[in-house]
Amino acid sequence: MDLQSIGRFLLFVGIGFAALGGVLMLAGRLPFLSNLGNLPGDIRIQGEGFSCLIPVVSMILVSVILTVLFNIVIRLINRP
């Protein structure tokens, strides 16, 4: 690989990270996303100087939503 193609690759990766950061910043302002990790069924273990969160229900909810969204997008792309 020459330096020009490496530079182009790094530029696209940087733009991708900047876009991802922007999306995450905007997602943090959505009110229903602030409840993730605090839903009933999420396991929270707290002790003296120790805290552990296992977001079981939150991750199931995220998985279902992303599955539905990806299926809709794939069906729209593969439409004849």
N, C-alpha and C. Protein backbone atom coordinates (compact mmCIF):
# COMPACT_ATOMS: atom_id res chain seq x y z
N MET A 1 0.84 -1.19 0.00
CA MET A 1 0.00 0.00 0.00
C MET A 1 0.88 1.24 0.00
N ASP A 2 0.47 2.20 -0.77
CA ASP A 2 1.22 3.44 -0.79
C ASP A 2 0.66 4.40 0.27
N LEU A 3 1.37 5.47 0.52
CA LEU A 3 0.98 6.41 1.57
C LEU A 3 -0.33 7.13 1.26
N GLN A 4 -0.61 7.34 -0.01
CA GLN A 4 -1.83 8.02 -0.37
C GLN A 4 -3.07 7.19 0.00
N SER A 5 -3.05 5.90 -0.24
CA SER A 5 -4.19 5.06 0.10
C SER A 5 -4.32 4.89 1.61
N ILE A 6 -3.20 4.84 2.32
CA ILE A 6 -3.26 4.77 3.79
C ILE A 6 -3.85 6.06 4.34
N GLY A 7 -3.44 7.20 3.80
CA GLY A 7 -3.98 8.48 4.24
C GLY A 7 -5.47 8.59 3.98
N ARG A 8 -5.92 8.14 2.82
CA ARG A 8 -7.34 8.16 2.49
C ARG A 8 -8.12 7.27 3.44
N PHE A 9 -7.58 6.09 3.74
CA PHE A 9 -8.24 5.17 4.67
C PHE A 9 -8.36 5.81 6.05
N LEU A 10 -7.29 6.41 6.55
CA LEU A 10 -7.33 7.04 7.87
C LEU A 10 -8.31 8.21 7.90
N LEU A 11 -8.41 8.95 6.80
CA LEU A 11 -9.35 10.05 6.72
C LEU A 11 -10.79 9.55 6.82
N PHE A 12 -11.11 8.48 6.09
CA PHE A 12 -12.46 7.93 6.15
C PHE A 12 -12.78 7.34 7.53
N VAL A 13 -11.79 6.71 8.15
CA VAL A 13 -12.01 6.17 9.49
C VAL A 13 -12.26 7.31 10.47
N GLY A 14 -11.51 8.39 10.35
CA GLY A 14 -11.71 9.55 11.22
C GLY A 14 -13.07 10.18 11.03
N ILE A 15 -13.52 10.31 9.79
CA ILE A 15 -14.85 10.86 9.52
C ILE A 15 -15.92 9.93 10.09
N GLY A 16 -15.71 8.63 9.98
CA GLY A 16 -16.65 7.66 10.54
C GLY A 16 -16.74 7.78 12.06
N PHE A 17 -15.60 7.92 12.73
CA PHE A 17 -15.61 8.09 14.18
C PHE A 17 -16.28 9.39 14.59
N ALA A 18 -16.05 10.46 13.84
CA ALA A 18 -16.69 11.74 14.14
C ALA A 18 -18.20 11.64 13.98
N ALA A 19 -18.66 10.96 12.93
CA ALA A 19 -20.10 10.78 12.73
C ALA A 19 -20.70 9.92 13.84
N LEU A 20 -20.01 8.87 14.24
CA LEU A 20 -20.48 8.02 15.33
C LEU A 20 -20.55 8.80 16.63
N GLY A 21 -19.57 9.63 16.89
CA GLY A 21 -19.59 10.47 18.08
C GLY A 21 -20.76 11.43 18.08
N GLY A 22 -21.05 12.03 16.92
CA GLY A 22 -22.20 12.92 16.82
C GLY A 22 -23.51 12.21 17.07
N VAL A 23 -23.65 11.01 16.51
CA VAL A 23 -24.87 10.23 16.73
C VAL A 23 -25.02 9.89 18.21
N LEU A 24 -23.93 9.51 18.87
CA LEU A 24 -24.01 9.17 20.29
C LEU A 24 -24.33 10.39 21.15
N MET A 25 -23.79 11.55 20.76
CA MET A 25 -24.12 12.78 21.50
C MET A 25 -25.60 13.11 21.36
N LEU A 26 -26.15 12.95 20.17
CA LEU A 26 -27.58 13.21 19.97
C LEU A 26 -28.44 12.16 20.67
N ALA A 27 -27.98 10.92 20.68
CA ALA A 27 -28.73 9.84 21.32
C ALA A 27 -28.81 10.05 22.83
N GLY A 28 -27.80 10.69 23.40
CA GLY A 28 -27.81 10.95 24.83
C GLY A 28 -28.87 11.94 25.25
N ARG A 29 -29.41 12.70 24.32
CA ARG A 29 -30.45 13.69 24.63
C ARG A 29 -31.86 13.12 24.52
N LEU A 30 -31.99 11.92 24.00
CA LEU A 30 -33.32 11.31 23.87
C LEU A 30 -33.78 10.80 25.24
N PRO A 31 -34.99 11.17 25.66
CA PRO A 31 -35.41 10.85 27.03
C PRO A 31 -35.58 9.36 27.30
N PHE A 32 -36.04 8.57 26.31
CA PHE A 32 -36.26 7.16 26.58
C PHE A 32 -34.96 6.37 26.66
N LEU A 33 -33.86 6.91 26.13
CA LEU A 33 -32.58 6.21 26.23
C LEU A 33 -31.93 6.38 27.60
N SER A 34 -32.37 7.39 28.36
CA SER A 34 -31.78 7.59 29.69
C SER A 34 -32.26 6.51 30.67
N ASN A 35 -33.34 5.80 30.34
CA ASN A 35 -33.83 4.74 31.22
C ASN A 35 -33.13 3.41 31.01
N LEU A 36 -32.33 3.29 29.94
CA LEU A 36 -31.62 2.02 29.72
C LEU A 36 -30.65 1.78 30.88
N GLY A 37 -30.68 0.60 31.40
CA GLY A 37 -29.86 0.26 32.56
C GLY A 37 -30.61 0.39 33.86
N ASN A 38 -31.80 1.00 33.82
CA ASN A 38 -32.62 1.16 35.03
C ASN A 38 -33.97 0.48 34.89
N LEU A 39 -34.12 -0.39 33.90
CA LEU A 39 -35.39 -1.07 33.69
C LEU A 39 -35.55 -2.22 34.68
N PRO A 40 -36.81 -2.59 34.98
CA PRO A 40 -37.01 -3.77 35.83
C PRO A 40 -36.43 -5.01 35.15
N GLY A 41 -35.66 -5.77 35.86
CA GLY A 41 -35.02 -6.95 35.30
C GLY A 41 -33.53 -6.74 35.07
N ASP A 42 -33.06 -5.49 35.10
CA ASP A 42 -31.63 -5.22 35.04
C ASP A 42 -31.03 -5.49 36.41
N ILE A 43 -29.93 -6.19 36.44
CA ILE A 43 -29.32 -6.62 37.70
C ILE A 43 -28.29 -5.59 38.14
N ARG A 44 -28.45 -5.08 39.35
CA ARG A 44 -27.51 -4.10 39.91
C ARG A 44 -27.02 -4.64 41.26
N ILE A 45 -25.71 -4.81 41.34
CA ILE A 45 -25.09 -5.31 42.56
C ILE A 45 -24.19 -4.21 43.09
N GLN A 46 -24.46 -3.76 44.32
CA GLN A 46 -23.65 -2.71 44.92
C GLN A 46 -23.14 -3.19 46.27
N GLY A 47 -21.89 -2.94 46.48
CA GLY A 47 -21.28 -3.27 47.75
C GLY A 47 -20.39 -2.13 48.19
N GLU A 48 -19.61 -2.37 49.20
CA GLU A 48 -18.71 -1.34 49.71
C GLU A 48 -17.55 -1.16 48.74
N GLY A 49 -17.52 -0.05 48.03
CA GLY A 49 -16.46 0.21 47.07
C GLY A 49 -16.58 -0.62 45.80
N PHE A 50 -17.76 -1.16 45.54
CA PHE A 50 -17.94 -2.04 44.39
C PHE A 50 -19.34 -1.83 43.81
N SER A 51 -19.42 -1.77 42.50
CA SER A 51 -20.70 -1.63 41.84
C SER A 51 -20.65 -2.42 40.53
N CYS A 52 -21.70 -3.17 40.25
CA CYS A 52 -21.77 -3.96 39.03
C CYS A 52 -23.19 -3.87 38.46
N LEU A 53 -23.29 -3.55 37.18
CA LEU A 53 -24.58 -3.46 36.51
C LEU A 53 -24.60 -4.45 35.36
N ILE A 54 -25.62 -5.31 35.34
CA ILE A 54 -25.81 -6.26 34.25
C ILE A 54 -27.16 -5.95 33.63
N PRO A 55 -27.18 -5.20 32.52
CA PRO A 55 -28.45 -4.73 31.93
C PRO A 55 -29.11 -5.78 31.03
N VAL A 56 -29.67 -6.81 31.62
CA VAL A 56 -30.24 -7.92 30.87
C VAL A 56 -31.43 -7.46 30.02
N VAL A 57 -32.42 -6.85 30.64
CA VAL A 57 -33.64 -6.45 29.94
C VAL A 57 -33.34 -5.32 28.96
N SER A 58 -32.47 -4.40 29.32
CA SER A 58 -32.13 -3.30 28.43
C SER A 58 -31.50 -3.82 27.14
N MET A 59 -30.61 -4.79 27.25
CA MET A 59 -29.94 -5.32 26.06
C MET A 59 -30.90 -6.16 25.21
N ILE A 60 -31.86 -6.84 25.84
CA ILE A 60 -32.87 -7.56 25.06
C ILE A 60 -33.71 -6.56 24.28
N LEU A 61 -34.09 -5.45 24.91
CA LEU A 61 -34.88 -4.43 24.24
C LEU A 61 -34.11 -3.80 23.08
N VAL A 62 -32.85 -3.48 23.28
CA VAL A 62 -32.02 -2.92 22.22
C VAL A 62 -31.88 -3.93 21.07
N SER A 63 -31.70 -5.19 21.40
CA SER A 63 -31.55 -6.23 20.38
C SER A 63 -32.81 -6.35 19.53
N VAL A 64 -33.98 -6.34 20.16
CA VAL A 64 -35.23 -6.46 19.42
C VAL A 64 -35.43 -5.25 18.51
N ILE A 65 -35.18 -4.04 19.02
CA ILE A 65 -35.34 -2.82 18.22
C ILE A 65 -34.40 -2.81 17.03
N LEU A 66 -33.13 -3.16 17.24
CA LEU A 66 -32.17 -3.18 16.14
C LEU A 66 -32.50 -4.26 15.11
N THR A 67 -33.00 -5.41 15.57
CA THR A 67 -33.39 -6.48 14.64
C THR A 67 -34.52 -6.02 13.74
N VAL A 68 -35.51 -5.37 14.32
CA VAL A 68 -36.64 -4.87 13.53
C VAL A 68 -36.16 -3.81 12.54
N LEU A 69 -35.33 -2.87 12.99
CA LEU A 69 -34.84 -1.82 12.10
C LEU A 69 -34.01 -2.38 10.95
N PHE A 70 -33.11 -3.31 11.25
CA PHE A 70 -32.28 -3.89 10.19
C PHE A 70 -33.12 -4.70 9.20
N ASN A 71 -34.12 -5.41 9.68
CA ASN A 71 -35.00 -6.16 8.77
C ASN A 71 -35.77 -5.23 7.86
N ILE A 72 -36.24 -4.10 8.38
CA ILE A 72 -36.96 -3.13 7.55
C ILE A 72 -36.02 -2.57 6.49
N VAL A 73 -34.81 -2.20 6.88
CA VAL A 73 -33.84 -1.63 5.92
C VAL A 73 -33.49 -2.66 4.85
N ILE A 74 -33.24 -3.90 5.24
CA ILE A 74 -32.87 -4.94 4.27
C ILE A 74 -34.02 -5.21 3.30
N ARG A 75 -35.25 -5.23 3.81
CA ARG A 75 -36.39 -5.44 2.92
C ARG A 75 -36.57 -4.29 1.95
N LEU A 76 -36.30 -3.05 2.38
CA LEU A 76 -36.39 -1.90 1.48
C LEU A 76 -35.30 -1.93 0.43
N ILE A 77 -34.12 -2.38 0.80
CA ILE A 77 -33.00 -2.45 -0.16
C ILE A 77 -33.24 -3.53 -1.20
N ASN A 78 -33.74 -4.68 -0.78
CA ASN A 78 -33.94 -5.83 -1.67
C ASN A 78 -35.29 -5.82 -2.38
N ARG A 79 -36.01 -4.72 -2.33
CA ARG A 79 -37.31 -4.64 -3.00
C ARG A 79 -37.12 -4.66 -4.51
N PRO A 80 -37.92 -5.45 -5.26
CA PRO A 80 -37.75 -5.53 -6.72
C PRO A 80 -38.20 -4.27 -7.44
